[in-house]
């Protein structure tokens, strides 16, 4: 509830909440915004009598603090309810949904609107470097929201994105994820189908063209649909990567634009393409589009360089799904030809800690020169028969001809890397959590 706490505090509300798993970058961000964090859940956290409590989806009804909220009759809302009540009301919502790329695509869209002088609001699941924030309250008519398919709260088990009525919806594709709440890909498609059917006729859906699951979901839509990707209504060509920049041409209905951006990788070009299509629907000029994409600084924890020491680069990325891991390694590989790309991976999501992708992950590391696989720093009550095996992943990566190593914890990874790293190497660290602050610790140890 960190971002909402910042917003509501600025609006004059007393708020309450706690988070036991906030990793350092977000905790630093909250501290800078004047938000105090409680460590652990306790009814005493509510003794200051907040006007409102935002209850996140990680909190169960049996949680002692949630119980205190109910018993004391303190007003409470879910995160999407609060967004609608306090920010999105009377705004035209641009909603970004899909398994991959939501945070990056939402961030690009928000930056384009800002550069175009449209004073947007946004609510995004990452910290935008250009704003040093994951939210903004603007006076303009548009609001960009990252639409998560995960459930909303213990009192609302539906997906978060069902709460919004978008003017424009970007759908980046559908794959299986979130094994803790979804039984399989058909379950996920059902959720998205329900969402698509509620989108109004006046709305526009911009859909990734090269995803069969998404194509099936869109069959029930009454909204106007345009596609982006290969052989789509919106596409890109002449893709060139040079000096840490990417140049490409965009073709759309009666339009062609040449773009320069600091982002790399085909997945990021597709994210840009979706935003360009949306921007043209809003009448944004080619000049503003080009300027926005050229100046977009990115998001923390998305191919974020945490430091360079003795010619060794340490990069942080949120990648955890097999497709995201594969695309991230593929994207950065061309820029580190003099050295090695060493992929360090912690499978710590509810899905990656289960064996659903046991046979899929090995191919994700084919573009790496070395893979370091670490046991997750958190433990979950998963039956042994359903558990993901990090040791098996290492063995399977080795069978693909890639050097791979197993580690029990982050300290062991650091000790190994310090003895192996050479000038021009890239250490690409991928985890959806803090990973024991491995990035900072490694940079401190490199000699």
Protein backbone atom coordinates (compact mmCIF):
# COMPACT_ATOMS: atom_id res chain seq x y z
CA UNK A 1 0.00 0.00 0.00
CA UNK A 2 3.08 2.23 -0.09
CA UNK A 3 2.18 4.31 -3.14
CA UNK A 4 -1.37 4.86 -1.95
CA UNK A 5 -0.07 5.87 1.45
CA UNK A 6 1.93 8.62 -0.23
CA UNK A 7 -1.09 9.81 -2.19
CA UNK A 8 -3.54 9.74 0.70
CA UNK A 9 -1.10 11.46 3.03
CA UNK A 10 -0.72 14.26 0.49
CA UNK A 11 -4.53 14.51 0.43
CA UNK A 12 -4.69 14.95 4.19
CA UNK A 13 -5.72 11.45 5.26
CA UNK A 14 -4.25 9.48 8.13
CA UNK A 15 -3.34 6.05 6.78
CA UNK A 16 -2.10 2.79 8.17
CA UNK A 17 -0.47 -0.35 6.87
CA UNK A 18 2.51 -2.65 7.25
CA UNK A 19 4.74 -4.62 4.94
CA UNK A 20 7.18 -7.26 6.09
CA UNK A 21 8.71 -7.83 2.66
CA UNK A 22 9.48 -4.37 1.29
CA UNK A 23 12.89 -4.51 -0.40
CA UNK A 24 15.38 -1.64 0.05
CA UNK A 25 14.62 0.52 -3.03
CA UNK A 26 10.88 0.76 -2.20
CA UNK A 27 11.46 1.25 1.53
CA UNK A 28 13.87 4.09 0.69
CA UNK A 29 11.25 5.59 -1.62
CA UNK A 30 8.57 5.45 1.07
CA UNK A 31 10.91 6.99 3.62
CA UNK A 32 11.68 9.88 1.26
CA UNK A 33 7.93 10.50 0.95
CA UNK A 34 7.53 10.70 4.72
CA UNK A 35 5.84 7.30 5.10
CA UNK A 36 6.76 5.25 8.17
CA UNK A 37 6.73 1.47 7.88
CA UNK A 38 5.63 -0.91 10.63
CA UNK A 39 7.62 -4.11 10.80
CA UNK A 40 5.21 -6.95 11.28
CA UNK A 41 1.44 -6.93 11.72
CA UNK A 42 0.00 -5.85 15.08
CA UNK A 43 -3.29 -4.24 16.21
CA UNK A 44 -1.24 -1.54 17.91
CA UNK A 45 -0.30 -0.24 14.44
CA UNK A 46 -3.85 1.11 14.33
CA UNK A 47 -3.78 2.92 17.66
CA UNK A 48 -3.26 6.27 15.94
CA UNK A 49 -6.87 5.90 14.67
CA UNK A 50 -6.43 6.15 10.90
CA UNK A 51 -9.26 7.54 8.79
CA UNK A 52 -8.83 4.73 6.29
CA UNK A 53 -6.94 1.46 5.92
CA UNK A 54 -5.92 0.11 2.52
CA UNK A 55 -5.85 -3.68 2.75
CA UNK A 56 -3.56 -5.37 0.23
CA UNK A 57 -4.10 -8.77 -1.30
CA UNK A 58 -1.26 -10.36 0.68
CA UNK A 59 -3.29 -9.87 3.88
CA UNK A 60 -5.73 -12.63 4.85
CA UNK A 61 -8.92 -12.19 6.83
CA UNK A 62 -7.23 -13.96 9.78
CA UNK A 63 -4.40 -11.42 9.86
CA UNK A 64 -4.36 -9.85 13.34
CA UNK A 65 -4.23 -6.32 11.99
CA UNK A 66 -7.04 -6.96 9.51
CA UNK A 67 -9.09 -8.44 12.34
CA UNK A 68 -8.53 -5.28 14.36
CA UNK A 69 -9.72 -3.15 11.42
CA UNK A 70 -12.95 -5.15 11.25
CA UNK A 71 -13.50 -5.23 15.02
CA UNK A 72 -12.90 -1.51 15.49
CA UNK A 73 -15.09 -0.56 12.54
CA UNK A 74 -12.32 1.38 10.80
CA UNK A 75 -13.18 2.21 7.15
CA UNK A 76 -11.18 0.13 4.68
CA UNK A 77 -10.79 -0.26 0.93
CA UNK A 78 -8.85 -2.43 -1.48
CA UNK A 79 -6.14 -0.79 -3.54
CA UNK A 80 -8.21 -0.56 -6.78
CA UNK A 81 -11.19 0.80 -4.85
CA UNK A 82 -9.00 3.52 -3.39
CA UNK A 83 -7.48 4.36 -6.79
CA UNK A 84 -10.97 4.78 -8.25
CA UNK A 85 -12.24 6.80 -5.29
CA UNK A 86 -9.34 9.19 -4.89
CA UNK A 87 -7.54 9.46 -8.23
CA UNK A 88 -9.21 7.88 -11.27
CA UNK A 89 -12.62 9.46 -10.73
CA UNK A 90 -13.54 11.61 -13.75
CA UNK A 91 -10.33 10.58 -15.54
CA UNK A 92 -9.97 8.78 -18.86
CA UNK A 93 -8.11 5.60 -17.91
CA UNK A 94 -5.39 4.07 -20.05
CA UNK A 95 -5.08 0.55 -18.67
CA UNK A 96 -2.10 -1.72 -19.37
CA UNK A 97 -2.68 -5.44 -18.87
CA UNK A 98 -0.97 -8.73 -19.76
CA UNK A 99 1.53 -11.21 -18.35
CA UNK A 100 4.63 -9.26 -19.35
CA UNK A 101 5.72 -5.66 -19.82
CA UNK A 102 2.96 -3.94 -17.83
CA UNK A 103 5.25 -1.76 -15.72
CA UNK A 104 7.51 -0.70 -18.58
CA UNK A 105 4.64 -0.05 -21.00
CA UNK A 106 2.70 1.94 -18.38
CA UNK A 107 5.79 3.99 -17.62
CA UNK A 108 6.49 4.78 -21.27
CA UNK A 109 2.86 5.81 -21.73
CA UNK A 110 2.94 8.12 -18.71
CA UNK A 111 6.18 9.73 -19.89
CA UNK A 112 4.78 10.33 -23.38
CA UNK A 113 1.71 12.06 -21.95
CA UNK A 114 3.86 14.20 -19.68
CA UNK A 115 6.25 15.27 -22.44
CA UNK A 116 3.24 16.09 -24.62
CA UNK A 117 2.10 18.55 -21.94
CA UNK A 118 -1.02 16.58 -21.00
CA UNK A 119 -0.28 16.60 -17.24
CA UNK A 120 -1.23 12.94 -16.64
CA UNK A 121 -1.90 11.02 -13.46
CA UNK A 122 -0.47 7.53 -13.13
CA UNK A 123 -0.36 4.55 -10.79
CA UNK A 124 2.35 2.05 -11.72
CA UNK A 125 4.02 -0.92 -10.03
CA UNK A 126 7.54 0.45 -10.33
CA UNK A 127 9.49 3.64 -9.70
CA UNK A 128 9.88 5.78 -12.82
CA UNK A 129 13.32 7.35 -12.88
CA UNK A 130 12.07 10.50 -14.61
CA UNK A 131 9.69 11.18 -11.72
CA UNK A 132 11.39 9.24 -8.91
CA UNK A 133 7.93 7.97 -8.11
CA UNK A 134 5.45 5.23 -8.94
CA UNK A 135 2.51 7.65 -8.92
CA UNK A 136 1.55 11.13 -9.97
CA UNK A 137 -1.58 13.24 -9.54
CA UNK A 138 -1.99 15.55 -12.52
CA UNK A 139 -4.72 17.90 -13.65
CA UNK A 140 -4.96 16.37 -17.13
CA UNK A 141 -7.82 14.20 -18.35
CA UNK A 142 -5.81 10.97 -18.65
CA UNK A 143 -4.63 8.51 -16.02
CA UNK A 144 -2.32 5.55 -16.75
CA UNK A 145 -2.90 2.48 -14.58
CA UNK A 146 -0.97 -0.78 -14.54
CA UNK A 147 -3.75 -3.36 -14.54
CA UNK A 148 -2.79 -6.43 -12.53
CA UNK A 149 -4.59 -9.76 -13.03
CA UNK A 150 -3.76 -10.82 -9.46
CA UNK A 151 -6.60 -10.94 -6.94
CA UNK A 152 -7.69 -7.77 -5.13
CA UNK A 153 -8.17 -8.52 -1.42
CA UNK A 154 -9.52 -11.15 0.97
CA UNK A 155 -12.94 -9.52 0.59
CA UNK A 156 -12.64 -9.39 -3.23
CA UNK A 157 -10.97 -12.35 -4.92
CA UNK A 158 -11.43 -10.97 -8.44
CA UNK A 159 -8.51 -9.47 -10.42
CA UNK A 160 -7.55 -5.86 -9.81
CA UNK A 161 -8.09 -4.80 -13.40
CA UNK A 162 -11.81 -5.60 -13.19
CA UNK A 163 -12.29 -2.43 -11.13
CA UNK A 164 -11.39 -0.07 -13.97
CA UNK A 165 -13.37 1.19 -16.98
CA UNK A 166 -10.67 2.06 -19.51
CA UNK A 167 -10.83 4.44 -22.43
CA UNK A 168 -7.84 2.65 -23.97
CA UNK A 169 -6.58 -0.81 -22.98
CA UNK A 170 -3.16 -2.12 -23.95
CA UNK A 171 -2.95 -5.93 -23.79
CA UNK A 172 0.64 -7.23 -24.01
CA UNK A 173 -0.13 -10.96 -24.23
CA UNK A 174 -1.21 -13.81 -21.96
CA UNK A 175 0.90 -16.64 -20.56
CA UNK A 176 0.58 -18.82 -17.49
CA UNK A 177 1.73 -17.21 -14.23
CA UNK A 178 0.62 -16.82 -10.60
CA UNK A 179 0.29 -20.53 -9.86
CA UNK A 180 -0.84 -19.73 -6.32
CA UNK A 181 -4.20 -18.40 -7.53
CA UNK A 182 -4.63 -19.71 -11.10
CA UNK A 183 -5.06 -23.41 -11.89
CA UNK A 184 -3.76 -23.16 -15.44
CA UNK A 185 -3.75 -21.14 -18.63
CA UNK A 186 -7.45 -21.78 -19.23
CA UNK A 187 -8.24 -20.23 -15.85
CA UNK A 188 -6.22 -17.14 -16.75
CA UNK A 189 -7.90 -16.87 -20.16
CA UNK A 190 -11.29 -17.03 -18.46
CA UNK A 191 -10.33 -14.12 -16.20
CA UNK A 192 -9.14 -12.02 -19.14
CA UNK A 193 -12.19 -12.97 -21.22
CA UNK A 194 -14.46 -11.72 -18.44
CA UNK A 195 -12.52 -8.45 -18.39
CA UNK A 196 -12.62 -8.02 -22.17
CA UNK A 197 -16.38 -8.57 -22.27
CA UNK A 198 -16.95 -5.73 -19.79
CA UNK A 199 -14.99 -3.18 -21.84
CA UNK A 200 -17.41 -0.70 -23.39
CA UNK A 201 -18.02 -0.31 -27.14
CA UNK A 202 -16.53 3.18 -27.13
CA UNK A 203 -13.22 1.83 -25.81
CA UNK A 204 -10.14 0.91 -27.81
CA UNK A 205 -8.09 -2.24 -27.26
CA UNK A 206 -4.50 -2.30 -28.55
CA UNK A 207 -3.53 -5.97 -28.55
CA UNK A 208 -0.24 -7.79 -29.17
CA UNK A 209 -0.78 -9.68 -32.42
CA UNK A 210 1.50 -12.66 -31.86
CA UNK A 211 -0.08 -14.35 -28.85
CA UNK A 212 -2.66 -17.08 -29.50
CA UNK A 213 -4.06 -16.96 -25.96
CA UNK A 214 -4.84 -13.27 -26.35
CA UNK A 215 -6.43 -13.79 -29.76
CA UNK A 216 -8.84 -16.31 -28.22
CA UNK A 217 -9.68 -13.96 -25.36
CA UNK A 218 -10.47 -11.06 -27.71
CA UNK A 219 -13.11 -13.03 -29.61
CA UNK A 220 -15.73 -11.89 -27.08
CA UNK A 221 -14.95 -8.18 -27.29
CA UNK A 222 -17.32 -5.49 -28.54
CA UNK A 223 -14.68 -2.77 -28.30
CA UNK A 224 -12.65 -1.47 -31.23
CA UNK A 225 -9.48 -3.57 -31.59
CA UNK A 226 -6.17 -2.72 -33.25
CA UNK A 227 -3.11 -4.96 -33.19
CA UNK A 228 0.61 -4.37 -32.82
CA UNK A 229 3.56 -6.66 -33.50
CA UNK A 230 4.56 -8.72 -36.55
CA UNK A 231 2.14 -8.51 -39.48
CA UNK A 232 -0.09 -6.24 -37.43
CA UNK A 233 -1.70 -2.85 -37.97
CA UNK A 234 1.15 -1.34 -35.96
CA UNK A 235 4.65 -2.74 -36.55
CA UNK A 236 8.33 -1.77 -36.50
CA UNK A 237 11.22 -2.29 -38.91
CA UNK A 238 14.87 -1.30 -39.53
CA UNK A 239 15.77 -2.16 -35.93
CA UNK A 240 19.39 -1.12 -35.15
CA UNK A 241 21.19 -1.18 -31.78
CA UNK A 242 24.18 1.14 -31.55
CA UNK A 243 26.09 2.73 -28.65
CA UNK A 244 23.51 1.64 -26.04
CA UNK A 245 20.71 3.13 -28.13
CA UNK A 246 18.06 1.64 -30.37
CA UNK A 247 16.83 3.07 -33.65
CA UNK A 248 13.72 1.78 -35.44
CA UNK A 249 10.88 2.81 -37.72
CA UNK A 250 7.21 2.52 -36.79
CA UNK A 251 4.49 1.85 -39.34
CA UNK A 252 0.83 2.36 -38.49
CA UNK A 253 -2.41 3.29 -40.23
CA UNK A 254 -1.39 6.17 -42.53
CA UNK A 255 1.71 6.90 -40.45
CA UNK A 256 5.47 6.24 -40.38
CA UNK A 257 7.81 7.54 -37.65
CA UNK A 258 11.55 7.08 -36.99
CA UNK A 259 12.28 6.51 -33.29
CA UNK A 260 15.38 6.67 -31.09
CA UNK A 261 15.34 5.26 -27.57
CA UNK A 262 17.69 4.27 -24.76
CA UNK A 263 15.80 1.00 -24.31
CA UNK A 264 17.10 -2.24 -25.78
CA UNK A 265 15.55 -5.55 -26.74
CA UNK A 266 12.67 -6.51 -29.01
CA UNK A 267 10.31 -6.79 -26.04
CA UNK A 268 10.90 -3.12 -25.21
CA UNK A 269 10.33 -2.08 -28.82
CA UNK A 270 6.96 -3.82 -28.67
CA UNK A 271 6.20 -1.91 -25.47
CA UNK A 272 7.08 1.32 -27.27
CA UNK A 273 4.97 0.31 -30.26
CA UNK A 274 1.87 -0.18 -28.11
CA UNK A 275 2.34 3.23 -26.51
CA UNK A 276 2.88 4.94 -29.88
CA UNK A 277 -0.39 3.45 -31.14
CA UNK A 278 -2.20 4.67 -28.01
CA UNK A 279 -0.61 8.11 -28.25
CA UNK A 280 -1.77 8.58 -31.83
CA UNK A 281 -5.31 7.76 -30.70
CA UNK A 282 -5.01 10.70 -28.32
CA UNK A 283 -3.72 13.04 -31.01
CA UNK A 284 -0.14 13.32 -29.73
CA UNK A 285 2.21 14.72 -32.37
CA UNK A 286 5.10 12.80 -33.92
CA UNK A 287 7.48 15.41 -32.53
CA UNK A 288 6.31 14.87 -28.95
CA UNK A 289 6.40 11.10 -29.42
CA UNK A 290 9.97 11.14 -30.69
CA UNK A 291 11.10 13.48 -27.93
CA UNK A 292 9.43 11.39 -25.22
CA UNK A 293 10.92 8.07 -26.33
CA UNK A 294 14.35 9.64 -26.76
CA UNK A 295 14.31 11.07 -23.22
CA UNK A 296 12.64 8.19 -21.34
CA UNK A 297 15.05 7.19 -18.56
CA UNK A 298 13.47 3.87 -17.62
CA UNK A 299 12.26 2.22 -14.42
CA UNK A 300 14.17 1.10 -11.40
CA UNK A 301 14.81 -2.65 -11.41
CA UNK A 302 14.28 -2.93 -15.18
CA UNK A 303 17.72 -3.39 -16.74
CA UNK A 304 18.95 -0.93 -14.13
CA UNK A 305 22.71 -0.59 -13.84
CA UNK A 306 23.42 -0.58 -10.11
CA UNK A 307 27.12 0.09 -10.52
CA UNK A 308 30.29 -0.40 -12.55
CA UNK A 309 33.50 -1.30 -10.76
CA UNK A 310 36.83 -2.14 -12.39
CA UNK A 311 35.03 -2.52 -15.71
CA UNK A 312 32.51 -5.00 -14.27
CA UNK A 313 28.83 -4.00 -14.62
CA UNK A 314 26.20 -5.07 -12.11
CA UNK A 315 22.65 -4.86 -13.49
CA UNK A 316 19.34 -5.41 -11.68
CA UNK A 317 16.20 -6.69 -13.36
CA UNK A 318 12.79 -7.82 -12.11
CA UNK A 319 12.64 -10.75 -14.57
CA UNK A 320 11.28 -13.97 -13.08
CA UNK A 321 8.94 -15.62 -15.61
CA UNK A 322 10.83 -17.81 -18.16
CA UNK A 323 9.88 -15.52 -21.04
CA UNK A 324 11.03 -12.41 -19.16
CA UNK A 325 14.34 -14.06 -18.20
CA UNK A 326 14.96 -15.11 -21.80
CA UNK A 327 14.10 -11.72 -23.32
CA UNK A 328 16.13 -9.77 -20.76
CA UNK A 329 19.30 -11.80 -21.37
CA UNK A 330 18.74 -11.59 -25.14
CA UNK A 331 18.29 -7.81 -24.93
CA UNK A 332 21.52 -7.02 -23.06
CA UNK A 333 23.78 -9.57 -24.76
CA UNK A 334 24.72 -7.42 -27.82
CA UNK A 335 26.11 -4.66 -25.60
CA UNK A 336 28.64 -6.84 -23.72
CA UNK A 337 30.45 -8.61 -26.55
CA UNK A 338 33.89 -7.97 -25.03
CA UNK A 339 32.99 -9.75 -21.81
CA UNK A 340 30.58 -12.37 -20.55
CA UNK A 341 26.93 -12.12 -19.61
CA UNK A 342 26.64 -13.85 -16.24
CA UNK A 343 22.98 -14.46 -15.37
CA UNK A 344 22.22 -14.68 -11.64
CA UNK A 345 18.71 -15.92 -10.97
CA UNK A 346 16.64 -16.32 -7.81
CA UNK A 347 13.35 -18.20 -8.47
CA UNK A 348 11.30 -16.77 -5.62
CA UNK A 349 7.81 -16.08 -6.99
CA UNK A 350 4.89 -18.31 -6.05
CA UNK A 351 4.98 -19.74 -9.56
CA UNK A 352 8.73 -20.14 -10.03
CA UNK A 353 9.04 -21.94 -6.68
CA UNK A 354 6.72 -24.61 -8.09
CA UNK A 355 7.67 -27.02 -10.86
CA UNK A 356 5.36 -25.61 -13.55
CA UNK A 357 8.30 -24.20 -15.51
CA UNK A 358 10.92 -26.82 -14.51
CA UNK A 359 11.38 -27.87 -18.14
CA UNK A 360 10.95 -24.36 -19.56
CA UNK A 361 13.53 -22.35 -17.63
CA UNK A 362 16.66 -24.04 -19.08
CA UNK A 363 16.07 -22.54 -22.55
CA UNK A 364 15.75 -19.09 -20.97
CA UNK A 365 19.51 -19.05 -20.30
CA UNK A 366 20.75 -19.99 -23.80
CA UNK A 367 22.09 -16.48 -24.49
CA UNK A 368 24.02 -16.32 -21.21
CA UNK A 369 27.71 -17.22 -20.95
CA UNK A 370 27.25 -18.41 -17.38
CA UNK A 371 24.26 -19.02 -15.12
CA UNK A 372 24.28 -18.81 -11.33
CA UNK A 373 21.09 -20.24 -9.81
CA UNK A 374 20.42 -19.47 -6.15
CA UNK A 375 17.94 -21.02 -3.76
CA UNK A 376 15.22 -18.46 -2.96
CA UNK A 377 15.71 -16.45 0.20
CA UNK A 378 12.14 -17.06 1.31
CA UNK A 379 10.43 -20.34 2.12
CA UNK A 380 6.91 -21.39 1.18
CA UNK A 381 4.82 -24.34 2.34
CA UNK A 382 4.87 -26.16 -0.98
CA UNK A 383 4.50 -29.97 -1.07
CA UNK A 384 7.77 -31.64 -2.03
CA UNK A 385 6.21 -33.22 -5.13
CA UNK A 386 5.27 -29.75 -6.43
CA UNK A 387 8.54 -27.95 -5.61
CA UNK A 388 10.80 -26.46 -8.24
CA UNK A 389 14.34 -27.88 -8.16
CA UNK A 390 17.10 -25.32 -8.57
CA UNK A 391 19.67 -28.13 -8.68
CA UNK A 392 17.81 -29.74 -11.57
CA UNK A 393 17.70 -26.40 -13.38
CA UNK A 394 21.48 -26.11 -13.11
CA UNK A 395 21.91 -29.64 -14.47
CA UNK A 396 19.53 -28.94 -17.35
CA UNK A 397 21.27 -25.65 -18.26
CA UNK A 398 24.59 -27.51 -18.36
CA UNK A 399 23.06 -30.04 -20.76
CA UNK A 400 22.37 -27.09 -23.09
CA UNK A 401 26.11 -26.34 -23.15
CA UNK A 402 25.98 -23.35 -20.81
CA UNK A 403 28.24 -23.11 -17.76
CA UNK A 404 25.96 -23.23 -14.70
CA UNK A 405 26.35 -23.32 -10.91
CA UNK A 406 24.10 -23.94 -7.91
CA UNK A 407 24.19 -21.85 -4.70
CA UNK A 408 22.42 -22.18 -1.39
CA UNK A 409 22.37 -18.45 -0.62
CA UNK A 410 23.37 -15.03 -1.93
CA UNK A 411 26.59 -14.90 0.09
CA UNK A 412 27.80 -18.03 -1.69
CA UNK A 413 26.98 -16.40 -5.04
CA UNK A 414 29.01 -13.32 -4.11
CA UNK A 415 32.04 -15.35 -2.98
CA UNK A 416 32.00 -17.29 -6.24
CA UNK A 417 31.59 -14.25 -8.48
CA UNK A 418 34.31 -12.24 -6.79
CA UNK A 419 36.79 -15.00 -7.66
CA UNK A 420 35.59 -15.35 -11.26
CA UNK A 421 34.69 -11.89 -12.58
CA UNK A 422 36.81 -10.15 -15.21
CA UNK A 423 36.83 -6.72 -16.81
CA UNK A 424 33.96 -6.16 -19.30
CA UNK A 425 31.73 -8.80 -17.66
CA UNK A 426 28.06 -8.08 -17.03
CA UNK A 427 26.44 -9.56 -13.93
CA UNK A 428 22.71 -9.61 -14.68
CA UNK A 429 20.84 -10.23 -11.42
CA UNK A 430 17.22 -11.30 -11.84
CA UNK A 431 14.72 -11.60 -8.99
CA UNK A 432 11.34 -10.16 -8.08
CA UNK A 433 12.59 -9.48 -4.54
CA UNK A 434 15.46 -7.74 -2.79
CA UNK A 435 17.73 -10.81 -3.10
CA UNK A 436 19.45 -9.93 0.20
CA UNK A 437 20.77 -6.69 -1.34
CA UNK A 438 23.16 -8.79 -3.42
CA UNK A 439 23.80 -5.94 -5.89
CA UNK A 440 25.34 -3.60 -3.32
CA UNK A 441 27.20 -6.38 -1.50
CA UNK A 442 28.75 -7.63 -4.73
CA UNK A 443 29.92 -4.17 -5.80
CA UNK A 444 31.50 -3.69 -2.37
CA UNK A 445 33.41 -6.97 -2.68
CA UNK A 446 34.73 -6.56 -6.23
CA UNK A 447 38.44 -5.81 -6.11
